[in-house]
Amino acid sequence: SGKKSVHPPQFVRQGDACIARIRSEVPICLETYDDYPQLGRFTLRDEGKTIAVGKITKLLFDEPASE
């Protein structure tokens, strides 16, 4: 519907679109779709099933831990 929800949804139904933050425990090579279309797409899989596909619109980085 294009409306922003007050509370974040727990899941997204098939055919819906969303903006999500995804965190990885291992390094992965990613770029935004606008900069490099080949590296700007992703597929999420769980137990051999594709559960999500999408475009990377923005990359966020954690601040390095100070030692």
PDB file of N, CA and C in Angstrom:
ATOM      1  N   SER A   1       0.813  -1.192   0.000  1.00  0.00           N
ATOM      2  CA  SER A   1       0.000   0.000   0.000  1.00  0.00           C
ATOM      3  C   SER A   1       0.861   1.262   0.000  1.00  0.00           C
ATOM      4  N   GLY A   2       2.163   1.120   0.250  1.00  0.00           N
ATOM      5  CA  GLY A   2       3.056   2.266   0.245  1.00  0.00           C
ATOM      6  C   GLY A   2       3.068   3.047   1.549  1.00  0.00           C
ATOM      7  N   LYS A   3       2.268   2.621   2.526  1.00  0.00           N
ATOM      8  CA  LYS A   3       2.219   3.306   3.812  1.00  0.00           C
ATOM      9  C   LYS A   3       3.299   2.754   4.737  1.00  0.00           C
ATOM     10  N   LYS A   4       3.862   3.622   5.578  1.00  0.00           N
ATOM     11  CA  LYS A   4       4.815   3.171   6.586  1.00  0.00           C
ATOM     12  C   LYS A   4       4.028   2.676   7.791  1.00  0.00           C
ATOM     13  N   SER A   5       4.456   1.551   8.364  1.00  0.00           N
ATOM     14  CA  SER A   5       3.763   1.020   9.524  1.00  0.00           C
ATOM     15  C   SER A   5       4.326   1.649  10.795  1.00  0.00           C
ATOM     16  N   VAL A   6       3.470   1.766  11.800  1.00  0.00           N
ATOM     17  CA  VAL A   6       3.880   2.332  13.085  1.00  0.00           C
ATOM     18  C   VAL A   6       4.835   1.367  13.786  1.00  0.00           C
ATOM     19  N   HIS A   7       4.493   0.087  13.756  1.00  0.00           N
ATOM     20  CA  HIS A   7       5.320  -0.947  14.373  1.00  0.00           C
ATOM     21  C   HIS A   7       5.942  -1.794  13.269  1.00  0.00           C
ATOM     22  N   PRO A   8       7.230  -2.154  13.403  1.00  0.00           N
ATOM     23  CA  PRO A   8       7.848  -2.987  12.366  1.00  0.00           C
ATOM     24  C   PRO A   8       7.158  -4.350  12.277  1.00  0.00           C
ATOM     25  N   PRO A   9       6.878  -4.836  11.072  1.00  0.00           N
ATOM     26  CA  PRO A   9       6.227  -6.144  10.941  1.00  0.00           C
ATOM     27  C   PRO A   9       7.187  -7.275  11.306  1.00  0.00           C
ATOM     28  N   GLN A  10       6.628  -8.385  11.779  1.00  0.00           N
ATOM     29  CA  GLN A  10       7.443  -9.545  12.129  1.00  0.00           C
ATOM     30  C   GLN A  10       7.826 -10.338  10.883  1.00  0.00           C
ATOM     31  N   PHE A  11       7.045 -10.207   9.813  1.00  0.00           N
ATOM     32  CA  PHE A  11       7.340 -10.927   8.575  1.00  0.00           C
ATOM     33  C   PHE A  11       6.767 -10.132   7.408  1.00  0.00           C
ATOM     34  N   VAL A  12       7.182 -10.518   6.200  1.00  0.00           N
ATOM     35  CA  VAL A  12       6.691  -9.887   4.971  1.00  0.00           C
ATOM     36  C   VAL A  12       6.035 -10.975   4.135  1.00  0.00           C
ATOM     37  N   ARG A  13       4.844 -10.707   3.660  1.00  0.00           N
ATOM     38  CA  ARG A  13       4.140 -11.689   2.842  1.00  0.00           C
ATOM     39  C   ARG A  13       4.705 -11.724   1.422  1.00  0.00           C
ATOM     40  N   GLN A  14       4.485 -12.838   0.749  1.00  0.00           N
ATOM     41  CA  GLN A  14       4.954 -12.980  -0.621  1.00  0.00           C
ATOM     42  C   GLN A  14       4.345 -11.886  -1.488  1.00  0.00           C
ATOM     43  N   GLY A  15       5.197 -11.240  -2.291  1.00  0.00           N
ATOM     44  CA  GLY A  15       4.752 -10.174  -3.167  1.00  0.00           C
ATOM     45  C   GLY A  15       4.863  -8.786  -2.555  1.00  0.00           C
ATOM     46  N   ASP A  16       5.052  -8.702  -1.229  1.00  0.00           N
ATOM     47  CA  ASP A  16       5.223  -7.414  -0.566  1.00  0.00           C
ATOM     48  C   ASP A  16       6.661  -6.944  -0.696  1.00  0.00           C
ATOM     49  N   ALA A  17       6.879  -5.665  -0.506  1.00  0.00           N
ATOM     50  CA  ALA A  17       8.229  -5.090  -0.531  1.00  0.00           C
ATOM     51  C   ALA A  17       8.515  -4.483   0.833  1.00  0.00           C
ATOM     52  N   CYS A  18       9.788  -4.486   1.219  1.00  0.00           N
ATOM     53  CA  CYS A  18      10.163  -3.897   2.496  1.00  0.00           C
ATOM     54  C   CYS A  18      11.608  -3.414   2.445  1.00  0.00           C
ATOM     55  N   ILE A  19      11.962  -2.618   3.415  1.00  0.00           N
ATOM     56  CA  ILE A  19      13.349  -2.223   3.612  1.00  0.00           C
ATOM     57  C   ILE A  19      13.794  -2.939   4.882  1.00  0.00           C
ATOM     58  N   ALA A  20      14.873  -3.708   4.780  1.00  0.00           N
ATOM     59  CA  ALA A  20      15.324  -4.519   5.918  1.00  0.00           C
ATOM     60  C   ALA A  20      16.810  -4.309   6.150  1.00  0.00           C
ATOM     61  N   ARG A  21      17.209  -4.435   7.399  1.00  0.00           N
ATOM     62  CA  ARG A  21      18.632  -4.436   7.752  1.00  0.00           C
ATOM     63  C   ARG A  21      19.046  -5.875   7.995  1.00  0.00           C
ATOM     64  N   ILE A  22      20.117  -6.280   7.325  1.00  0.00           N
ATOM     65  CA  ILE A  22      20.604  -7.656   7.430  1.00  0.00           C
ATOM     66  C   ILE A  22      22.030  -7.609   7.924  1.00  0.00           C
ATOM     67  N   ARG A  23      22.329  -8.364   8.966  1.00  0.00           N
ATOM     68  CA  ARG A  23      23.671  -8.409   9.539  1.00  0.00           C
ATOM     69  C   ARG A  23      24.270  -9.792   9.275  1.00  0.00           C
ATOM     70  N   SER A  24      25.535  -9.817   8.871  1.00  0.00           N
ATOM     71  CA  SER A  24      26.245 -11.065   8.598  1.00  0.00           C
ATOM     72  C   SER A  24      27.384 -11.237   9.593  1.00  0.00           C
ATOM     73  N   GLU A  25      27.574 -12.469  10.039  1.00  0.00           N
ATOM     74  CA  GLU A  25      28.675 -12.752  10.961  1.00  0.00           C
ATOM     75  C   GLU A  25      29.987 -12.980  10.218  1.00  0.00           C
ATOM     76  N   VAL A  26      29.901 -13.229   8.918  1.00  0.00           N
ATOM     77  CA  VAL A  26      31.096 -13.455   8.116  1.00  0.00           C
ATOM     78  C   VAL A  26      31.189 -12.365   7.047  1.00  0.00           C
ATOM     79  N   PRO A  27      32.393 -12.026   6.609  1.00  0.00           N
ATOM     80  CA  PRO A  27      32.517 -10.985   5.578  1.00  0.00           C
ATOM     81  C   PRO A  27      31.901 -11.434   4.242  1.00  0.00           C
ATOM     82  N   ILE A  28      31.215 -10.509   3.586  1.00  0.00           N
ATOM     83  CA  ILE A  28      30.666 -10.760   2.256  1.00  0.00           C
ATOM     84  C   ILE A  28      30.958  -9.545   1.379  1.00  0.00           C
ATOM     85  N   CYS A  29      31.107  -9.788   0.096  1.00  0.00           N
ATOM     86  CA  CYS A  29      31.373  -8.713  -0.852  1.00  0.00           C
ATOM     87  C   CYS A  29      30.040  -8.167  -1.348  1.00  0.00           C
ATOM     88  N   LEU A  30      29.753  -6.912  -1.019  1.00  0.00           N
ATOM     89  CA  LEU A  30      28.505  -6.266  -1.407  1.00  0.00           C
ATOM     90  C   LEU A  30      28.769  -4.858  -1.902  1.00  0.00           C
ATOM     91  N   GLU A  31      27.938  -4.406  -2.795  1.00  0.00           N
ATOM     92  CA  GLU A  31      27.946  -3.017  -3.251  1.00  0.00           C
ATOM     93  C   GLU A  31      26.492  -2.609  -3.443  1.00  0.00           C
ATOM     94  N   THR A  32      26.240  -1.319  -3.544  1.00  0.00           N
ATOM     95  CA  THR A  32      24.879  -0.890  -3.824  1.00  0.00           C
ATOM     96  C   THR A  32      24.541  -1.172  -5.283  1.00  0.00           C
ATOM     97  N   TYR A  33      23.271  -1.383  -5.542  1.00  0.00           N
ATOM     98  CA  TYR A  33      22.829  -1.698  -6.899  1.00  0.00           C
ATOM     99  C   TYR A  33      23.152  -0.556  -7.861  1.00  0.00           C
ATOM    100  N   ASP A  34      23.020   0.684  -7.399  1.00  0.00           N
ATOM    101  CA  ASP A  34      23.296   1.836  -8.268  1.00  0.00           C
ATOM    102  C   ASP A  34      24.759   1.892  -8.697  1.00  0.00           C
ATOM    103  N   ASP A  35      25.696   1.481  -7.807  1.00  0.00           N
ATOM    104  CA  ASP A  35      27.124   1.521  -8.129  1.00  0.00           C
ATOM    105  C   ASP A  35      27.563   0.330  -8.979  1.00  0.00           C
ATOM    106  N   TYR A  36      27.153  -0.874  -8.596  1.00  0.00           N
ATOM    107  CA  TYR A  36      27.548  -2.108  -9.298  1.00  0.00           C
ATOM    108  C   TYR A  36      26.363  -3.073  -9.316  1.00  0.00           C
ATOM    109  N   PRO A  37      25.563  -3.054 -10.371  1.00  0.00           N
ATOM    110  CA  PRO A  37      24.376  -3.910 -10.413  1.00  0.00           C
ATOM    111  C   PRO A  37      24.662  -5.400 -10.187  1.00  0.00           C
ATOM    112  N   GLN A  38      25.830  -5.888 -10.644  1.00  0.00           N
ATOM    113  CA  GLN A  38      26.140  -7.313 -10.473  1.00  0.00           C
ATOM    114  C   GLN A  38      26.331  -7.681  -8.998  1.00  0.00           C
ATOM    115  N   LEU A  39      26.848  -6.761  -8.182  1.00  0.00           N
ATOM    116  CA  LEU A  39      27.075  -7.035  -6.764  1.00  0.00           C
ATOM    117  C   LEU A  39      25.979  -6.441  -5.891  1.00  0.00           C
ATOM    118  N   GLY A  40      25.001  -5.797  -6.495  1.00  0.00           N
ATOM    119  CA  GLY A  40      23.978  -5.103  -5.737  1.00  0.00           C
ATOM    120  C   GLY A  40      22.682  -5.869  -5.555  1.00  0.00           C
ATOM    121  N   ARG A  41      22.695  -7.151  -5.834  1.00  0.00           N
ATOM    122  CA  ARG A  41      21.512  -7.992  -5.620  1.00  0.00           C
ATOM    123  C   ARG A  41      21.857  -9.076  -4.599  1.00  0.00           C
ATOM    124  N   PHE A  42      20.840  -9.569  -3.907  1.00  0.00           N
ATOM    125  CA  PHE A  42      21.085 -10.638  -2.940  1.00  0.00           C
ATOM    126  C   PHE A  42      19.946 -11.647  -2.965  1.00  0.00           C
ATOM    127  N   THR A  43      20.241 -12.840  -2.492  1.00  0.00           N
ATOM    128  CA  THR A  43      19.260 -13.904  -2.312  1.00  0.00           C
ATOM    129  C   THR A  43      19.476 -14.489  -0.929  1.00  0.00           C
ATOM    130  N   LEU A  44      18.419 -14.585  -0.147  1.00  0.00           N
ATOM    131  CA  LEU A  44      18.498 -15.233   1.165  1.00  0.00           C
ATOM    132  C   LEU A  44      17.883 -16.617   1.039  1.00  0.00           C
ATOM    133  N   ARG A  45      18.614 -17.616   1.534  1.00  0.00           N
ATOM    134  CA  ARG A  45      18.131 -18.984   1.461  1.00  0.00           C
ATOM    135  C   ARG A  45      18.137 -19.594   2.852  1.00  0.00           C
ATOM    136  N   ASP A  46      17.172 -20.466   3.106  1.00  0.00           N
ATOM    137  CA  ASP A  46      17.070 -21.171   4.376  1.00  0.00           C
ATOM    138  C   ASP A  46      16.701 -22.615   4.077  1.00  0.00           C
ATOM    139  N   GLU A  47      17.566 -23.521   4.469  1.00  0.00           N
ATOM    140  CA  GLU A  47      17.362 -24.957   4.255  1.00  0.00           C
ATOM    141  C   GLU A  47      17.037 -25.283   2.804  1.00  0.00           C
ATOM    142  N   GLY A  48      17.769 -24.644   1.881  1.00  0.00           N
ATOM    143  CA  GLY A  48      17.616 -24.939   0.471  1.00  0.00           C
ATOM    144  C   GLY A  48      16.477 -24.213  -0.222  1.00  0.00           C
ATOM    145  N   LYS A  49      15.704 -23.419   0.516  1.00  0.00           N
ATOM    146  CA  LYS A  49      14.594 -22.675  -0.081  1.00  0.00           C
ATOM    147  C   LYS A  49      14.941 -21.196  -0.138  1.00  0.00           C
ATOM    148  N   THR A  50      14.601 -20.548  -1.243  1.00  0.00           N
ATOM    149  CA  THR A  50      14.797 -19.109  -1.356  1.00  0.00           C
ATOM    150  C   THR A  50      13.692 -18.431  -0.562  1.00  0.00           C
ATOM    151  N   ILE A  51      14.089 -17.596   0.412  1.00  0.00           N
ATOM    152  CA  ILE A  51      13.092 -16.923   1.238  1.00  0.00           C
ATOM    153  C   ILE A  51      13.017 -15.428   0.944  1.00  0.00           C
ATOM    154  N   ALA A  52      14.016 -14.877   0.250  1.00  0.00           N
ATOM    155  CA  ALA A  52      13.977 -13.454  -0.101  1.00  0.00           C
ATOM    156  C   ALA A  52      14.981 -13.166  -1.203  1.00  0.00           C
ATOM    157  N   VAL A  53      14.656 -12.194  -2.036  1.00  0.00           N
ATOM    158  CA  VAL A  53      15.573 -11.664  -3.038  1.00  0.00           C
ATOM    159  C   VAL A  53      15.415 -10.155  -3.024  1.00  0.00           C
ATOM    160  N   GLY A  54      16.453  -9.445  -3.420  1.00  0.00           N
ATOM    161  CA  GLY A  54      16.312  -8.003  -3.420  1.00  0.00           C
ATOM    162  C   GLY A  54      17.516  -7.264  -3.948  1.00  0.00           C
ATOM    163  N   LYS A  55      17.419  -5.937  -3.881  1.00  0.00           N
ATOM    164  CA  LYS A  55      18.485  -5.034  -4.293  1.00  0.00           C
ATOM    165  C   LYS A  55      19.034  -4.335  -3.062  1.00  0.00           C
ATOM    166  N   ILE A  56      20.336  -4.083  -3.075  1.00  0.00           N
ATOM    167  CA  ILE A  56      20.980  -3.356  -1.988  1.00  0.00           C
ATOM    168  C   ILE A  56      20.923  -1.874  -2.337  1.00  0.00           C
ATOM    169  N   THR A  57      20.237  -1.107  -1.500  1.00  0.00           N
ATOM    170  CA  THR A  57      20.098   0.323  -1.750  1.00  0.00           C
ATOM    171  C   THR A  57      21.052   1.150  -0.911  1.00  0.00           C
ATOM    172  N   LYS A  58      21.495   0.597   0.225  1.00  0.00           N
ATOM    173  CA  LYS A  58      22.366   1.339   1.127  1.00  0.00           C
ATOM    174  C   LYS A  58      23.165   0.346   1.965  1.00  0.00           C
ATOM    175  N   LEU A  59      24.434   0.653   2.196  1.00  0.00           N
ATOM    176  CA  LEU A  59      25.279  -0.185   3.053  1.00  0.00           C
ATOM    177  C   LEU A  59      25.562   0.574   4.344  1.00  0.00           C
ATOM    178  N   LEU A  60      25.387  -0.099   5.466  1.00  0.00           N
ATOM    179  CA  LEU A  60      25.689   0.467   6.776  1.00  0.00           C
ATOM    180  C   LEU A  60      26.871  -0.287   7.357  1.00  0.00           C
ATOM    181  N   PHE A  61      27.756   0.413   8.025  1.00  0.00           N
ATOM    182  CA  PHE A  61      28.936  -0.214   8.607  1.00  0.00           C
ATOM    183  C   PHE A  61      28.953   0.021  10.108  1.00  0.00           C
ATOM    184  N   ASP A  62      29.323  -1.026  10.865  1.00  0.00           N
ATOM    185  CA  ASP A  62      29.512  -0.869  12.294  1.00  0.00           C
ATOM    186  C   ASP A  62      30.755  -0.076  12.564  1.00  0.00           C
ATOM    187  N   GLU A  63      30.754   0.687  13.630  1.00  0.00           N
ATOM    188  CA  GLU A  63      31.943   1.428  14.029  1.00  0.00           C
ATOM    189  C   GLU A  63      32.979   0.404  14.519  1.00  0.00           C
ATOM    190  N   PRO A  64      34.247   0.552  14.142  1.00  0.00           N
ATOM    191  CA  PRO A  64      35.275  -0.386  14.626  1.00  0.00           C
ATOM    192  C   PRO A  64      35.413  -0.288  16.132  1.00  0.00           C
ATOM    193  N   ALA A  65      35.579  -1.445  16.762  1.00  0.00           N
ATOM    194  CA  ALA A  65      35.735  -1.482  18.226  1.00  0.00           C
ATOM    195  C   ALA A  65      37.090  -0.903  18.604  1.00  0.00           C
ATOM    196  N   SER A  66      37.093  -0.020  19.575  1.00  0.00           N
ATOM    197  CA  SER A  66      38.368   0.565  20.029  1.00  0.00           C
ATOM    198  C   SER A  66      39.013  -0.377  21.026  1.00  0.00           C
ATOM    199  N   GLU A  67      40.291  -0.568  20.886  1.00  0.00           N
ATOM    200  CA  GLU A  67      41.014  -1.512  21.750  1.00  0.00           C
ATOM    201  C   GLU A  67      41.835  -0.782  22.762  1.00  0.00           C
TER     202      GLU A  67
END
